[in-house]
Amino acid sequence: MTFLVIRARSDRGVTRKIRDTMSMLNLTRVNHATIVTDNPSYRGMLQKSKDYVTWGEVDADTIAKLIGERGRMSGDKPVTDASIKEGSDFKGIKDFSKALASGDASMGDVDGLKPIFRLHPPRGSKGWGGIKRAYTVGGALGFRGDAISDLAERMM
């Protein structure tokens, strides 16, 4: 299983431990996203930074669309099937996204692929829905399960 993690809040006035944790997740700015695998180490990082990020399980189709639209190679070049094939053993974006979704691959498996996605703020009248409250009570923070795909779609 793989999680898509999106940073929703700034780190002004945040303790150093939480700021360092978000840095380890490659989430240095608001509206940046990254893909991480489900393991105890990442679970602890997500739990520590739960008041500043939102995350959920992501499927292969959403990952493919995210990489195709918002993924960047070094030099700020767009990601194409050819660049994935050249930098790894995968055939293209679809093949790589399936491996990412199942947890068999990581973002570092493709040479030159940046580990973050720079996204727009959420489009639509709902926006974030409040960045000071948890998702379970109508806000934007914390675990949101499969609903992360809808949010990512609005931010691409």
N, C-alpha and C. Protein backbone atom coordinates (compact mmCIF):
# COMPACT_ATOMS: atom_id res chain seq x y z
N MET A 1 0.84 -1.18 0.00
CA MET A 1 0.00 0.00 0.00
C MET A 1 0.89 1.24 0.00
N THR A 2 0.40 2.27 -0.65
CA THR A 2 1.15 3.50 -0.79
C THR A 2 0.28 4.69 -0.38
N PHE A 3 0.91 5.67 0.26
CA PHE A 3 0.21 6.87 0.69
C PHE A 3 0.64 8.06 -0.15
N LEU A 4 -0.31 8.93 -0.46
CA LEU A 4 -0.03 10.24 -1.01
C LEU A 4 -0.14 11.22 0.14
N VAL A 5 0.92 11.99 0.39
CA VAL A 5 0.96 12.93 1.51
C VAL A 5 1.03 14.34 0.94
N ILE A 6 0.13 15.21 1.38
CA ILE A 6 0.07 16.59 0.91
C ILE A 6 0.18 17.52 2.11
N ARG A 7 1.07 18.51 1.99
CA ARG A 7 1.22 19.48 3.07
C ARG A 7 0.16 20.56 2.95
N ALA A 8 -0.55 20.82 4.05
CA ALA A 8 -1.66 21.78 4.03
C ALA A 8 -1.35 23.07 4.79
N ARG A 9 -0.42 23.03 5.73
CA ARG A 9 -0.15 24.20 6.57
C ARG A 9 1.33 24.55 6.55
N SER A 10 1.60 25.81 6.86
CA SER A 10 2.97 26.30 6.96
C SER A 10 3.61 25.82 8.26
N ASP A 11 4.91 25.99 8.36
CA ASP A 11 5.61 25.55 9.58
C ASP A 11 6.01 26.72 10.47
N ARG A 12 5.35 27.85 10.34
CA ARG A 12 5.64 28.99 11.22
C ARG A 12 5.17 28.66 12.62
N GLY A 13 6.05 28.82 13.60
CA GLY A 13 5.71 28.57 14.99
C GLY A 13 5.64 27.10 15.35
N VAL A 14 6.23 26.25 14.54
CA VAL A 14 6.18 24.80 14.76
C VAL A 14 7.48 24.36 15.43
N THR A 15 7.39 23.33 16.26
CA THR A 15 8.59 22.83 16.92
C THR A 15 9.57 22.27 15.89
N ARG A 16 10.83 22.26 16.25
CA ARG A 16 11.87 21.82 15.34
C ARG A 16 11.69 20.36 14.93
N LYS A 17 11.22 19.52 15.85
CA LYS A 17 11.04 18.10 15.54
C LYS A 17 10.03 17.91 14.41
N ILE A 18 8.93 18.62 14.48
CA ILE A 18 7.91 18.49 13.44
C ILE A 18 8.41 19.07 12.12
N ARG A 19 9.11 20.19 12.18
CA ARG A 19 9.67 20.79 10.97
C ARG A 19 10.67 19.84 10.31
N ASP A 20 11.52 19.19 11.11
CA ASP A 20 12.47 18.23 10.57
C ASP A 20 11.77 17.01 9.99
N THR A 21 10.70 16.58 10.63
CA THR A 21 9.94 15.43 10.13
C THR A 21 9.34 15.73 8.77
N MET A 22 8.77 16.91 8.60
CA MET A 22 8.21 17.28 7.30
C MET A 22 9.31 17.42 6.25
N SER A 23 10.48 17.85 6.67
CA SER A 23 11.61 17.93 5.76
C SER A 23 12.04 16.54 5.31
N MET A 24 12.02 15.57 6.24
CA MET A 24 12.36 14.19 5.89
C MET A 24 11.36 13.58 4.91
N LEU A 25 10.12 14.06 4.97
CA LEU A 25 9.09 13.61 4.04
C LEU A 25 9.17 14.37 2.71
N ASN A 26 10.13 15.26 2.55
CA ASN A 26 10.31 16.11 1.37
C ASN A 26 9.15 17.10 1.20
N LEU A 27 8.50 17.46 2.28
CA LEU A 27 7.40 18.42 2.23
C LEU A 27 7.88 19.74 2.82
N THR A 28 8.55 20.53 2.01
CA THR A 28 9.15 21.76 2.50
C THR A 28 8.24 22.97 2.33
N ARG A 29 7.19 22.86 1.51
CA ARG A 29 6.30 23.99 1.27
C ARG A 29 4.85 23.53 1.23
N VAL A 30 3.96 24.48 1.45
CA VAL A 30 2.53 24.20 1.39
C VAL A 30 2.15 23.80 -0.04
N ASN A 31 1.22 22.87 -0.17
CA ASN A 31 0.72 22.33 -1.44
C ASN A 31 1.74 21.46 -2.16
N HIS A 32 2.78 21.04 -1.50
CA HIS A 32 3.68 20.05 -2.05
C HIS A 32 3.17 18.67 -1.65
N ALA A 33 3.39 17.70 -2.50
CA ALA A 33 2.94 16.33 -2.23
C ALA A 33 4.07 15.36 -2.49
N THR A 34 4.01 14.21 -1.83
CA THR A 34 4.98 13.15 -2.05
C THR A 34 4.28 11.81 -1.89
N ILE A 35 4.92 10.77 -2.39
CA ILE A 35 4.38 9.42 -2.30
C ILE A 35 5.31 8.60 -1.42
N VAL A 36 4.75 7.97 -0.38
CA VAL A 36 5.54 7.15 0.54
C VAL A 36 4.89 5.78 0.69
N THR A 37 5.70 4.80 1.04
CA THR A 37 5.18 3.45 1.27
C THR A 37 4.65 3.34 2.68
N ASP A 38 3.84 2.33 2.90
CA ASP A 38 3.25 2.11 4.22
C ASP A 38 4.17 1.22 5.03
N ASN A 39 4.97 1.84 5.90
CA ASN A 39 5.80 1.09 6.84
C ASN A 39 5.80 1.83 8.18
N PRO A 40 6.23 1.17 9.25
CA PRO A 40 6.17 1.80 10.58
C PRO A 40 6.92 3.12 10.67
N SER A 41 8.03 3.25 9.96
CA SER A 41 8.81 4.48 10.01
C SER A 41 8.00 5.66 9.45
N TYR A 42 7.43 5.47 8.26
CA TYR A 42 6.62 6.54 7.66
C TYR A 42 5.34 6.78 8.45
N ARG A 43 4.75 5.72 9.01
CA ARG A 43 3.54 5.89 9.83
C ARG A 43 3.83 6.82 11.02
N GLY A 44 4.99 6.63 11.66
CA GLY A 44 5.37 7.49 12.77
C GLY A 44 5.57 8.93 12.34
N MET A 45 6.19 9.13 11.18
CA MET A 45 6.38 10.48 10.66
C MET A 45 5.04 11.15 10.37
N LEU A 46 4.13 10.40 9.78
CA LEU A 46 2.81 10.96 9.46
C LEU A 46 2.04 11.29 10.73
N GLN A 47 2.15 10.44 11.72
CA GLN A 47 1.46 10.69 12.98
C GLN A 47 2.01 11.93 13.68
N LYS A 48 3.33 12.11 13.58
CA LYS A 48 3.96 13.27 14.22
C LYS A 48 3.55 14.58 13.53
N SER A 49 3.39 14.54 12.22
CA SER A 49 3.07 15.76 11.48
C SER A 49 1.60 15.83 11.07
N LYS A 50 0.74 15.09 11.73
CA LYS A 50 -0.68 14.99 11.35
C LYS A 50 -1.42 16.32 11.41
N ASP A 51 -0.94 17.27 12.19
CA ASP A 51 -1.61 18.56 12.29
C ASP A 51 -1.20 19.53 11.19
N TYR A 52 -0.36 19.08 10.26
CA TYR A 52 0.13 19.95 9.19
C TYR A 52 -0.01 19.33 7.81
N VAL A 53 -0.29 18.03 7.74
CA VAL A 53 -0.39 17.33 6.46
C VAL A 53 -1.69 16.53 6.41
N THR A 54 -2.04 16.11 5.21
CA THR A 54 -3.14 15.16 5.02
C THR A 54 -2.62 14.03 4.15
N TRP A 55 -3.13 12.82 4.37
CA TRP A 55 -2.66 11.68 3.60
C TRP A 55 -3.75 10.63 3.48
N GLY A 56 -3.54 9.72 2.52
CA GLY A 56 -4.48 8.63 2.31
C GLY A 56 -3.93 7.65 1.30
N GLU A 57 -4.63 6.50 1.17
CA GLU A 57 -4.20 5.48 0.21
C GLU A 57 -4.53 5.95 -1.20
N VAL A 58 -3.56 5.80 -2.07
CA VAL A 58 -3.72 6.29 -3.44
C VAL A 58 -3.67 5.11 -4.41
N ASP A 59 -4.45 5.20 -5.49
CA ASP A 59 -4.48 4.12 -6.47
C ASP A 59 -3.55 4.43 -7.65
N ALA A 60 -3.34 3.43 -8.50
CA ALA A 60 -2.38 3.55 -9.60
C ALA A 60 -2.81 4.61 -10.62
N ASP A 61 -4.11 4.75 -10.88
CA ASP A 61 -4.57 5.73 -11.86
C ASP A 61 -4.26 7.16 -11.41
N THR A 62 -4.49 7.43 -10.13
CA THR A 62 -4.20 8.77 -9.60
C THR A 62 -2.70 9.04 -9.63
N ILE A 63 -1.89 8.03 -9.29
CA ILE A 63 -0.44 8.20 -9.34
C ILE A 63 0.01 8.48 -10.76
N ALA A 64 -0.53 7.75 -11.73
CA ALA A 64 -0.15 7.95 -13.13
C ALA A 64 -0.50 9.37 -13.59
N LYS A 65 -1.68 9.83 -13.23
CA LYS A 65 -2.08 11.19 -13.62
C LYS A 65 -1.21 12.23 -12.93
N LEU A 66 -0.90 12.00 -11.66
CA LEU A 66 -0.06 12.93 -10.90
C LEU A 66 1.34 13.01 -11.50
N ILE A 67 1.93 11.87 -11.83
CA ILE A 67 3.27 11.86 -12.42
C ILE A 67 3.24 12.50 -13.80
N GLY A 68 2.22 12.20 -14.59
CA GLY A 68 2.13 12.75 -15.94
C GLY A 68 1.93 14.25 -15.97
N GLU A 69 1.09 14.77 -15.07
CA GLU A 69 0.78 16.20 -15.09
C GLU A 69 1.73 17.04 -14.24
N ARG A 70 2.12 16.54 -13.08
CA ARG A 70 2.87 17.34 -12.13
C ARG A 70 4.26 16.83 -11.83
N GLY A 71 4.63 15.66 -12.32
CA GLY A 71 5.96 15.13 -12.07
C GLY A 71 7.02 15.88 -12.85
N ARG A 72 8.20 16.00 -12.28
CA ARG A 72 9.30 16.69 -12.93
C ARG A 72 10.58 15.88 -12.81
N MET A 73 11.37 15.93 -13.87
CA MET A 73 12.70 15.35 -13.86
C MET A 73 13.67 16.45 -13.44
N SER A 74 14.92 16.08 -13.15
CA SER A 74 15.90 17.11 -12.82
C SER A 74 16.08 18.02 -14.02
N GLY A 75 16.29 19.29 -13.76
CA GLY A 75 16.31 20.29 -14.82
C GLY A 75 14.93 20.83 -15.11
N ASP A 76 13.95 20.48 -14.28
CA ASP A 76 12.56 20.90 -14.39
C ASP A 76 11.94 20.51 -15.73
N LYS A 77 12.31 19.34 -16.22
CA LYS A 77 11.73 18.82 -17.45
C LYS A 77 10.52 17.96 -17.11
N PRO A 78 9.51 17.92 -17.96
CA PRO A 78 8.34 17.09 -17.68
C PRO A 78 8.67 15.60 -17.77
N VAL A 79 7.89 14.80 -17.05
CA VAL A 79 8.09 13.35 -17.06
C VAL A 79 7.32 12.77 -18.25
N THR A 80 8.00 11.94 -19.03
CA THR A 80 7.37 11.25 -20.15
C THR A 80 7.65 9.76 -20.03
N ASP A 81 6.97 8.98 -20.86
CA ASP A 81 7.23 7.54 -20.88
C ASP A 81 8.69 7.27 -21.24
N ALA A 82 9.24 8.07 -22.14
CA ALA A 82 10.63 7.88 -22.55
C ALA A 82 11.60 8.15 -21.41
N SER A 83 11.33 9.18 -20.61
CA SER A 83 12.23 9.50 -19.50
C SER A 83 12.16 8.44 -18.41
N ILE A 84 10.98 7.85 -18.18
CA ILE A 84 10.84 6.76 -17.21
C ILE A 84 11.59 5.53 -17.72
N LYS A 85 11.44 5.24 -19.00
CA LYS A 85 12.09 4.06 -19.59
C LYS A 85 13.61 4.22 -19.58
N GLU A 86 14.07 5.44 -19.82
CA GLU A 86 15.51 5.71 -19.86
C GLU A 86 16.15 5.65 -18.48
N GLY A 87 15.42 6.10 -17.45
CA GLY A 87 15.99 6.18 -16.11
C GLY A 87 15.73 4.99 -15.22
N SER A 88 15.02 3.97 -15.74
CA SER A 88 14.69 2.82 -14.89
C SER A 88 14.41 1.59 -15.75
N ASP A 89 13.95 0.53 -15.09
CA ASP A 89 13.59 -0.70 -15.80
C ASP A 89 12.10 -0.75 -16.16
N PHE A 90 11.36 0.29 -15.85
CA PHE A 90 9.92 0.31 -16.13
C PHE A 90 9.67 0.73 -17.57
N LYS A 91 8.53 0.27 -18.12
CA LYS A 91 8.21 0.54 -19.52
C LYS A 91 7.66 1.94 -19.75
N GLY A 92 7.01 2.49 -18.73
CA GLY A 92 6.43 3.82 -18.88
C GLY A 92 5.78 4.28 -17.58
N ILE A 93 5.02 5.35 -17.68
CA ILE A 93 4.39 5.94 -16.50
C ILE A 93 3.38 4.98 -15.88
N LYS A 94 2.55 4.33 -16.71
CA LYS A 94 1.53 3.41 -16.19
C LYS A 94 2.17 2.25 -15.43
N ASP A 95 3.22 1.67 -16.00
CA ASP A 95 3.91 0.55 -15.37
C ASP A 95 4.55 0.97 -14.05
N PHE A 96 5.17 2.14 -14.05
CA PHE A 96 5.81 2.66 -12.84
C PHE A 96 4.77 2.98 -11.76
N SER A 97 3.63 3.55 -12.17
CA SER A 97 2.60 3.90 -11.19
C SER A 97 1.97 2.65 -10.56
N LYS A 98 1.82 1.58 -11.33
CA LYS A 98 1.30 0.33 -10.76
C LYS A 98 2.27 -0.23 -9.73
N ALA A 99 3.57 -0.17 -10.02
CA ALA A 99 4.58 -0.65 -9.07
C ALA A 99 4.60 0.23 -7.82
N LEU A 100 4.43 1.54 -7.98
CA LEU A 100 4.38 2.44 -6.83
C LEU A 100 3.16 2.16 -5.96
N ALA A 101 2.01 1.96 -6.58
CA ALA A 101 0.77 1.73 -5.84
C ALA A 101 0.82 0.43 -5.05
N SER A 102 1.48 -0.57 -5.59
CA SER A 102 1.56 -1.86 -4.89
C SER A 102 2.67 -1.87 -3.84
N GLY A 103 3.54 -0.87 -3.86
CA GLY A 103 4.62 -0.80 -2.88
C GLY A 103 5.89 -1.49 -3.34
N ASP A 104 5.94 -1.93 -4.60
CA ASP A 104 7.13 -2.61 -5.12
C ASP A 104 8.21 -1.65 -5.58
N ALA A 105 7.88 -0.38 -5.74
CA ALA A 105 8.84 0.61 -6.21
C ALA A 105 8.74 1.86 -5.34
N SER A 106 9.73 2.72 -5.47
CA SER A 106 9.71 4.01 -4.78
C SER A 106 10.08 5.09 -5.78
N MET A 107 9.91 6.34 -5.39
CA MET A 107 10.20 7.45 -6.28
C MET A 107 11.67 7.49 -6.67
N GLY A 108 12.54 6.96 -5.83
CA GLY A 108 13.97 6.96 -6.11
C GLY A 108 14.41 5.92 -7.12
N ASP A 109 13.50 5.06 -7.56
CA ASP A 109 13.86 4.02 -8.52
C ASP A 109 14.07 4.55 -9.93
N VAL A 110 13.60 5.74 -10.21
CA VAL A 110 13.79 6.36 -11.53
C VAL A 110 14.84 7.44 -11.38
N ASP A 111 15.93 7.32 -12.11
CA ASP A 111 17.01 8.29 -12.04
C ASP A 111 16.53 9.66 -12.54
N GLY A 112 16.75 10.68 -11.72
CA GLY A 112 16.42 12.04 -12.12
C GLY A 112 15.00 12.48 -11.80
N LEU A 113 14.16 11.58 -11.30
CA LEU A 113 12.78 11.95 -10.96
C LEU A 113 12.76 12.64 -9.61
N LYS A 114 12.18 13.84 -9.56
CA LYS A 114 12.10 14.58 -8.30
C LYS A 114 11.06 13.92 -7.40
N PRO A 115 11.34 13.83 -6.09
CA PRO A 115 10.44 13.10 -5.19
C PRO A 115 9.21 13.88 -4.75
N ILE A 116 9.03 15.11 -5.23
CA ILE A 116 7.87 15.90 -4.81
C ILE A 116 7.06 16.31 -6.03
N PHE A 117 5.81 16.68 -5.76
CA PHE A 117 4.92 17.23 -6.77
C PHE A 117 4.46 18.59 -6.27
N ARG A 118 4.63 19.62 -7.10
CA ARG A 118 4.17 20.96 -6.74
C ARG A 118 2.75 21.12 -7.27
N LEU A 119 1.81 21.23 -6.37
CA LEU A 119 0.40 21.27 -6.73
C LEU A 119 -0.20 22.66 -6.55
N HIS A 120 -1.36 22.88 -7.20
CA HIS A 120 -2.15 24.09 -6.98
C HIS A 120 -2.87 23.96 -5.65
N PRO A 121 -3.30 25.07 -5.07
CA PRO A 121 -4.25 24.96 -3.95
C PRO A 121 -5.52 24.29 -4.46
N PRO A 122 -6.29 23.64 -3.59
CA PRO A 122 -7.48 22.92 -4.05
C PRO A 122 -8.47 23.85 -4.75
N ARG A 123 -8.89 23.46 -5.94
CA ARG A 123 -9.84 24.25 -6.70
C ARG A 123 -11.26 23.93 -6.26
N GLY A 124 -12.16 24.82 -6.57
CA GLY A 124 -13.56 24.60 -6.24
C GLY A 124 -13.97 25.41 -5.03
N SER A 125 -15.26 25.44 -4.77
CA SER A 125 -15.78 26.26 -3.69
C SER A 125 -15.38 25.74 -2.32
N LYS A 126 -15.11 24.46 -2.22
CA LYS A 126 -14.78 23.88 -0.92
C LYS A 126 -13.36 24.23 -0.48
N GLY A 127 -12.43 24.32 -1.41
CA GLY A 127 -11.04 24.59 -1.06
C GLY A 127 -10.49 23.51 -0.16
N TRP A 128 -9.72 23.90 0.84
CA TRP A 128 -9.20 22.94 1.80
C TRP A 128 -10.28 22.47 2.76
N GLY A 129 -11.25 23.31 3.04
CA GLY A 129 -12.28 22.96 4.00
C GLY A 129 -11.87 23.27 5.43
N GLY A 130 -10.86 24.08 5.61
CA GLY A 130 -10.39 24.45 6.95
C GLY A 130 -9.11 23.73 7.30
N ILE A 131 -8.02 24.46 7.39
CA ILE A 131 -6.72 23.83 7.65
C ILE A 131 -6.38 23.75 9.12
N LYS A 132 -7.35 24.03 9.97
CA LYS A 132 -7.10 23.93 11.41
C LYS A 132 -7.86 22.79 12.06
N ARG A 133 -8.62 22.03 11.25
CA ARG A 133 -9.40 20.93 11.80
C ARG A 133 -9.08 19.63 11.07
N ALA A 134 -9.32 18.53 11.74
CA ALA A 134 -9.09 17.22 11.15
C ALA A 134 -10.13 16.92 10.08
N TYR A 135 -9.78 16.04 9.18
CA TYR A 135 -10.69 15.66 8.10
C TYR A 135 -11.97 15.03 8.63
N THR A 136 -11.86 14.31 9.73
CA THR A 136 -13.02 13.62 10.30
C THR A 136 -14.09 14.57 10.81
N VAL A 137 -13.72 15.81 11.10
CA VAL A 137 -14.70 16.80 11.58
C VAL A 137 -14.90 17.93 10.57
N GLY A 138 -14.64 17.65 9.30
CA GLY A 138 -14.91 18.62 8.25
C GLY A 138 -13.74 19.48 7.84
N GLY A 139 -12.56 19.23 8.36
CA GLY A 139 -11.39 20.02 8.00
C GLY A 139 -10.57 19.35 6.91
N ALA A 140 -9.26 19.62 6.93
CA ALA A 140 -8.40 19.13 5.86
C ALA A 140 -7.26 18.26 6.36
N LEU A 141 -7.03 18.18 7.65
CA LEU A 141 -5.80 17.57 8.16
C LEU A 141 -5.99 16.10 8.53
N GLY A 142 -4.86 15.38 8.56
CA GLY A 142 -4.86 14.00 9.02
C GLY A 142 -5.20 13.00 7.92
N PHE A 143 -5.53 11.79 8.36
CA PHE A 143 -5.80 10.68 7.44
C PHE A 143 -7.17 10.85 6.80
N ARG A 144 -7.23 10.66 5.47
CA ARG A 144 -8.50 10.78 4.77
C ARG A 144 -8.81 9.58 3.88
N GLY A 145 -8.02 8.53 3.93
CA GLY A 145 -8.33 7.31 3.20
C GLY A 145 -8.33 7.50 1.69
N ASP A 146 -9.35 6.93 1.03
CA ASP A 146 -9.44 7.00 -0.42
C ASP A 146 -9.81 8.39 -0.93
N ALA A 147 -10.30 9.26 -0.07
CA ALA A 147 -10.70 10.61 -0.48
C ALA A 147 -9.51 11.46 -0.88
N ILE A 148 -8.29 10.99 -0.65
CA ILE A 148 -7.10 11.74 -1.06
C ILE A 148 -7.05 11.87 -2.58
N SER A 149 -7.61 10.89 -3.29
CA SER A 149 -7.62 10.95 -4.76
C SER A 149 -8.46 12.11 -5.26
N ASP A 150 -9.60 12.37 -4.61
CA ASP A 150 -10.44 13.50 -5.00
C ASP A 150 -9.72 14.82 -4.76
N LEU A 151 -9.04 14.93 -3.62
CA LEU A 151 -8.29 16.15 -3.32
C LEU A 151 -7.16 16.34 -4.33
N ALA A 152 -6.43 15.28 -4.63
CA ALA A 152 -5.32 15.38 -5.59
C ALA A 152 -5.84 15.79 -6.96
N GLU A 153 -6.99 15.28 -7.34
CA GLU A 153 -7.60 15.64 -8.62
C GLU A 153 -7.90 17.14 -8.68
N ARG A 154 -8.40 17.70 -7.58
CA ARG A 154 -8.72 19.13 -7.53
C ARG A 154 -7.47 19.99 -7.49
N MET A 155 -6.34 19.42 -7.09
CA MET A 155 -5.10 20.20 -6.97
C MET A 155 -4.19 20.08 -8.19
N MET A 156 -4.48 19.19 -9.12
CA MET A 156 -3.62 19.03 -10.31
C MET A 156 -3.88 20.11 -11.33
